[in-house]
Amino acid sequence: MLSESKFEEKIDMLTKQISELKDKITKLENMLLVKYNYNDYNDYNICNDVIMDNAIDRSITFSEPPPLVRQKAFNK
């Protein structure tokens, strides 16, 4: 059986190892966040390029209504 001092040394060693593992896990989590969940809009635009050929088709155009329609709207 372990003496009390050796037992405490073992506990201290395990506590230190746990602390080191927590640090490593935190670093790995941060690396994964940067790799997969990075929310920089410049990177988003680079990774998800808009095809400019179709951009014109998706654009919203505003045009004046014909003159008679405008006149009827004011006559009501």
N, C-alpha and C. Protein backbone atom coordinates (compact mmCIF):
# COMPACT_ATOMS: atom_id res chain seq x y z
N MET A 1 0.84 -1.18 0.00
CA MET A 1 0.00 0.00 0.00
C MET A 1 0.89 1.24 0.00
N LEU A 2 0.40 2.30 -0.63
CA LEU A 2 1.17 3.54 -0.73
C LEU A 2 1.17 4.30 0.59
N SER A 3 2.32 4.86 0.88
CA SER A 3 2.36 5.72 2.07
C SER A 3 1.62 7.02 1.77
N GLU A 4 1.32 7.75 2.80
CA GLU A 4 0.54 8.98 2.64
C GLU A 4 1.26 10.00 1.77
N SER A 5 2.56 10.14 1.93
CA SER A 5 3.31 11.12 1.14
C SER A 5 3.35 10.73 -0.34
N LYS A 6 3.53 9.42 -0.60
CA LYS A 6 3.53 8.96 -2.00
C LYS A 6 2.14 9.11 -2.61
N PHE A 7 1.15 8.87 -1.78
CA PHE A 7 -0.22 9.03 -2.24
C PHE A 7 -0.49 10.48 -2.63
N GLU A 8 -0.02 11.41 -1.81
CA GLU A 8 -0.20 12.83 -2.10
C GLU A 8 0.59 13.24 -3.34
N GLU A 9 1.80 12.67 -3.50
CA GLU A 9 2.59 12.94 -4.71
C GLU A 9 1.85 12.46 -5.95
N LYS A 10 1.26 11.30 -5.83
CA LYS A 10 0.50 10.73 -6.96
C LYS A 10 -0.70 11.63 -7.29
N ILE A 11 -1.38 12.11 -6.26
CA ILE A 11 -2.52 13.02 -6.47
C ILE A 11 -2.06 14.31 -7.14
N ASP A 12 -0.93 14.85 -6.67
CA ASP A 12 -0.39 16.07 -7.27
C ASP A 12 -0.02 15.86 -8.73
N MET A 13 0.60 14.72 -9.02
CA MET A 13 0.98 14.41 -10.39
C MET A 13 -0.26 14.29 -11.29
N LEU A 14 -1.27 13.58 -10.79
CA LEU A 14 -2.50 13.42 -11.57
C LEU A 14 -3.22 14.75 -11.76
N THR A 15 -3.20 15.59 -10.74
CA THR A 15 -3.81 16.92 -10.84
C THR A 15 -3.11 17.75 -11.91
N LYS A 16 -1.79 17.66 -11.93
CA LYS A 16 -1.01 18.38 -12.93
C LYS A 16 -1.33 17.86 -14.33
N GLN A 17 -1.42 16.54 -14.48
CA GLN A 17 -1.74 15.95 -15.78
C GLN A 17 -3.13 16.37 -16.24
N ILE A 18 -4.06 16.41 -15.32
CA ILE A 18 -5.42 16.85 -15.66
C ILE A 18 -5.41 18.29 -16.13
N SER A 19 -4.65 19.12 -15.44
CA SER A 19 -4.55 20.52 -15.83
C SER A 19 -3.95 20.66 -17.23
N GLU A 20 -2.90 19.89 -17.51
CA GLU A 20 -2.28 19.92 -18.84
C GLU A 20 -3.26 19.44 -19.91
N LEU A 21 -4.01 18.40 -19.59
CA LEU A 21 -5.00 17.90 -20.55
C LEU A 21 -6.09 18.93 -20.82
N LYS A 22 -6.52 19.62 -19.78
CA LYS A 22 -7.53 20.68 -19.96
C LYS A 22 -7.01 21.76 -20.89
N ASP A 23 -5.74 22.14 -20.71
CA ASP A 23 -5.14 23.16 -21.58
C ASP A 23 -5.08 22.67 -23.03
N LYS A 24 -4.68 21.41 -23.21
CA LYS A 24 -4.61 20.86 -24.57
C LYS A 24 -5.99 20.79 -25.21
N ILE A 25 -6.99 20.39 -24.43
CA ILE A 25 -8.36 20.32 -24.96
C ILE A 25 -8.85 21.70 -25.35
N THR A 26 -8.55 22.70 -24.52
CA THR A 26 -8.95 24.07 -24.83
C THR A 26 -8.31 24.55 -26.13
N LYS A 27 -7.02 24.24 -26.30
CA LYS A 27 -6.34 24.62 -27.54
C LYS A 27 -6.96 23.94 -28.74
N LEU A 28 -7.27 22.65 -28.60
CA LEU A 28 -7.90 21.91 -29.70
C LEU A 28 -9.28 22.47 -30.03
N GLU A 29 -10.05 22.79 -29.00
CA GLU A 29 -11.38 23.38 -29.23
C GLU A 29 -11.26 24.70 -29.98
N ASN A 30 -10.29 25.52 -29.59
CA ASN A 30 -10.10 26.80 -30.27
C ASN A 30 -9.69 26.60 -31.72
N MET A 31 -8.84 25.61 -31.96
CA MET A 31 -8.44 25.32 -33.34
C MET A 31 -9.64 24.89 -34.17
N LEU A 32 -10.49 24.06 -33.59
CA LEU A 32 -11.68 23.61 -34.31
C LEU A 32 -12.65 24.76 -34.57
N LEU A 33 -12.80 25.64 -33.58
CA LEU A 33 -13.68 26.80 -33.78
C LEU A 33 -13.18 27.67 -34.90
N VAL A 34 -11.88 27.89 -34.94
CA VAL A 34 -11.31 28.72 -35.99
C VAL A 34 -11.50 28.03 -37.34
N LYS A 35 -11.32 26.73 -37.37
CA LYS A 35 -11.39 26.02 -38.65
C LYS A 35 -12.82 25.91 -39.18
N TYR A 36 -13.80 25.66 -38.33
CA TYR A 36 -15.14 25.35 -38.80
C TYR A 36 -16.19 26.41 -38.50
N ASN A 37 -16.00 27.26 -37.52
CA ASN A 37 -17.04 28.21 -37.15
C ASN A 37 -16.56 29.65 -37.17
N TYR A 38 -15.58 29.94 -37.96
CA TYR A 38 -15.02 31.29 -38.01
C TYR A 38 -15.99 32.19 -38.74
N ASN A 39 -16.41 33.28 -38.11
CA ASN A 39 -17.46 34.13 -38.66
C ASN A 39 -16.92 35.45 -39.20
N ASP A 40 -15.80 35.43 -39.86
CA ASP A 40 -15.30 36.63 -40.50
C ASP A 40 -16.00 36.74 -41.85
N TYR A 41 -16.67 37.86 -42.07
CA TYR A 41 -17.46 38.00 -43.29
C TYR A 41 -16.60 38.00 -44.54
N ASN A 42 -15.36 38.45 -44.45
CA ASN A 42 -14.48 38.38 -45.61
C ASN A 42 -14.22 36.94 -46.00
N ASP A 43 -13.96 36.08 -45.02
CA ASP A 43 -13.77 34.66 -45.32
C ASP A 43 -15.05 34.05 -45.85
N TYR A 44 -16.20 34.46 -45.30
CA TYR A 44 -17.47 33.93 -45.77
C TYR A 44 -17.67 34.26 -47.24
N ASN A 45 -17.39 35.50 -47.60
CA ASN A 45 -17.57 35.90 -48.99
C ASN A 45 -16.59 35.20 -49.91
N ILE A 46 -15.40 34.93 -49.42
CA ILE A 46 -14.42 34.24 -50.26
C ILE A 46 -14.84 32.78 -50.44
N CYS A 47 -15.30 32.14 -49.36
CA CYS A 47 -15.66 30.72 -49.43
C CYS A 47 -16.97 30.50 -50.18
N ASN A 48 -17.89 31.43 -50.11
CA ASN A 48 -19.19 31.28 -50.74
C ASN A 48 -19.37 32.36 -51.81
N ASP A 49 -18.58 32.24 -52.86
CA ASP A 49 -18.61 33.25 -53.91
C ASP A 49 -19.96 33.28 -54.60
N VAL A 50 -20.42 34.47 -54.90
CA VAL A 50 -21.64 34.64 -55.68
C VAL A 50 -21.25 34.56 -57.14
N ILE A 51 -21.99 33.79 -57.89
CA ILE A 51 -21.71 33.71 -59.32
C ILE A 51 -22.26 34.97 -59.95
N MET A 52 -21.38 35.80 -60.46
CA MET A 52 -21.77 37.12 -60.94
C MET A 52 -22.62 37.05 -62.21
N ASP A 53 -22.54 35.94 -62.96
CA ASP A 53 -23.35 35.83 -64.17
C ASP A 53 -24.83 35.85 -63.82
N ASN A 54 -25.20 35.29 -62.68
CA ASN A 54 -26.60 35.24 -62.28
C ASN A 54 -27.01 36.40 -61.39
N ALA A 55 -26.08 37.25 -61.02
CA ALA A 55 -26.39 38.34 -60.10
C ALA A 55 -27.38 39.31 -60.73
N ILE A 56 -27.29 39.52 -62.02
CA ILE A 56 -28.20 40.44 -62.70
C ILE A 56 -29.62 39.88 -62.66
N ASP A 57 -29.77 38.57 -62.83
CA ASP A 57 -31.10 37.96 -62.81
C ASP A 57 -31.74 38.08 -61.43
N ARG A 58 -30.95 38.09 -60.37
CA ARG A 58 -31.50 38.15 -59.02
C ARG A 58 -31.70 39.58 -58.53
N SER A 59 -31.22 40.56 -59.28
CA SER A 59 -31.32 41.94 -58.79
C SER A 59 -32.76 42.43 -58.86
N ILE A 60 -33.11 43.32 -57.97
CA ILE A 60 -34.45 43.90 -57.93
C ILE A 60 -34.43 45.20 -58.70
N THR A 61 -35.38 45.33 -59.59
CA THR A 61 -35.44 46.57 -60.37
C THR A 61 -36.70 47.33 -59.99
N PHE A 62 -36.56 48.62 -59.88
CA PHE A 62 -37.68 49.50 -59.59
C PHE A 62 -37.93 50.36 -60.82
N SER A 63 -39.16 50.38 -61.24
CA SER A 63 -39.48 51.21 -62.40
C SER A 63 -40.72 52.04 -62.09
N GLU A 64 -40.82 53.13 -62.79
CA GLU A 64 -41.98 54.01 -62.62
C GLU A 64 -43.20 53.34 -63.23
N PRO A 65 -44.34 53.43 -62.59
CA PRO A 65 -45.56 52.91 -63.21
C PRO A 65 -45.95 53.80 -64.39
N PRO A 66 -46.74 53.27 -65.28
CA PRO A 66 -47.18 54.09 -66.41
C PRO A 66 -47.91 55.34 -65.91
N PRO A 67 -47.89 56.43 -66.67
CA PRO A 67 -48.50 57.69 -66.24
C PRO A 67 -49.98 57.56 -65.85
N LEU A 68 -50.75 56.76 -66.56
CA LEU A 68 -52.18 56.65 -66.25
C LEU A 68 -52.41 56.00 -64.89
N VAL A 69 -51.62 55.05 -64.52
CA VAL A 69 -51.76 54.39 -63.22
C VAL A 69 -51.48 55.40 -62.12
N ARG A 70 -50.45 56.23 -62.28
CA ARG A 70 -50.15 57.25 -61.27
C ARG A 70 -51.30 58.24 -61.16
N GLN A 71 -51.87 58.62 -62.29
CA GLN A 71 -52.96 59.61 -62.27
C GLN A 71 -54.18 59.03 -61.57
N LYS A 72 -54.50 57.74 -61.81
CA LYS A 72 -55.66 57.11 -61.16
C LYS A 72 -55.44 57.03 -59.64
N ALA A 73 -54.22 56.81 -59.20
CA ALA A 73 -53.94 56.73 -57.77
C ALA A 73 -54.23 58.05 -57.08
N PHE A 74 -53.97 59.17 -57.74
CA PHE A 74 -54.21 60.47 -57.13
C PHE A 74 -55.66 60.90 -57.24
N ASN A 75 -56.42 60.34 -58.18
CA ASN A 75 -57.82 60.72 -58.36
C ASN A 75 -58.73 60.05 -57.34
N LYS A 76 -58.29 59.06 -56.61
CA LYS A 76 -59.16 58.35 -55.66
C LYS A 76 -59.38 59.14 -54.42
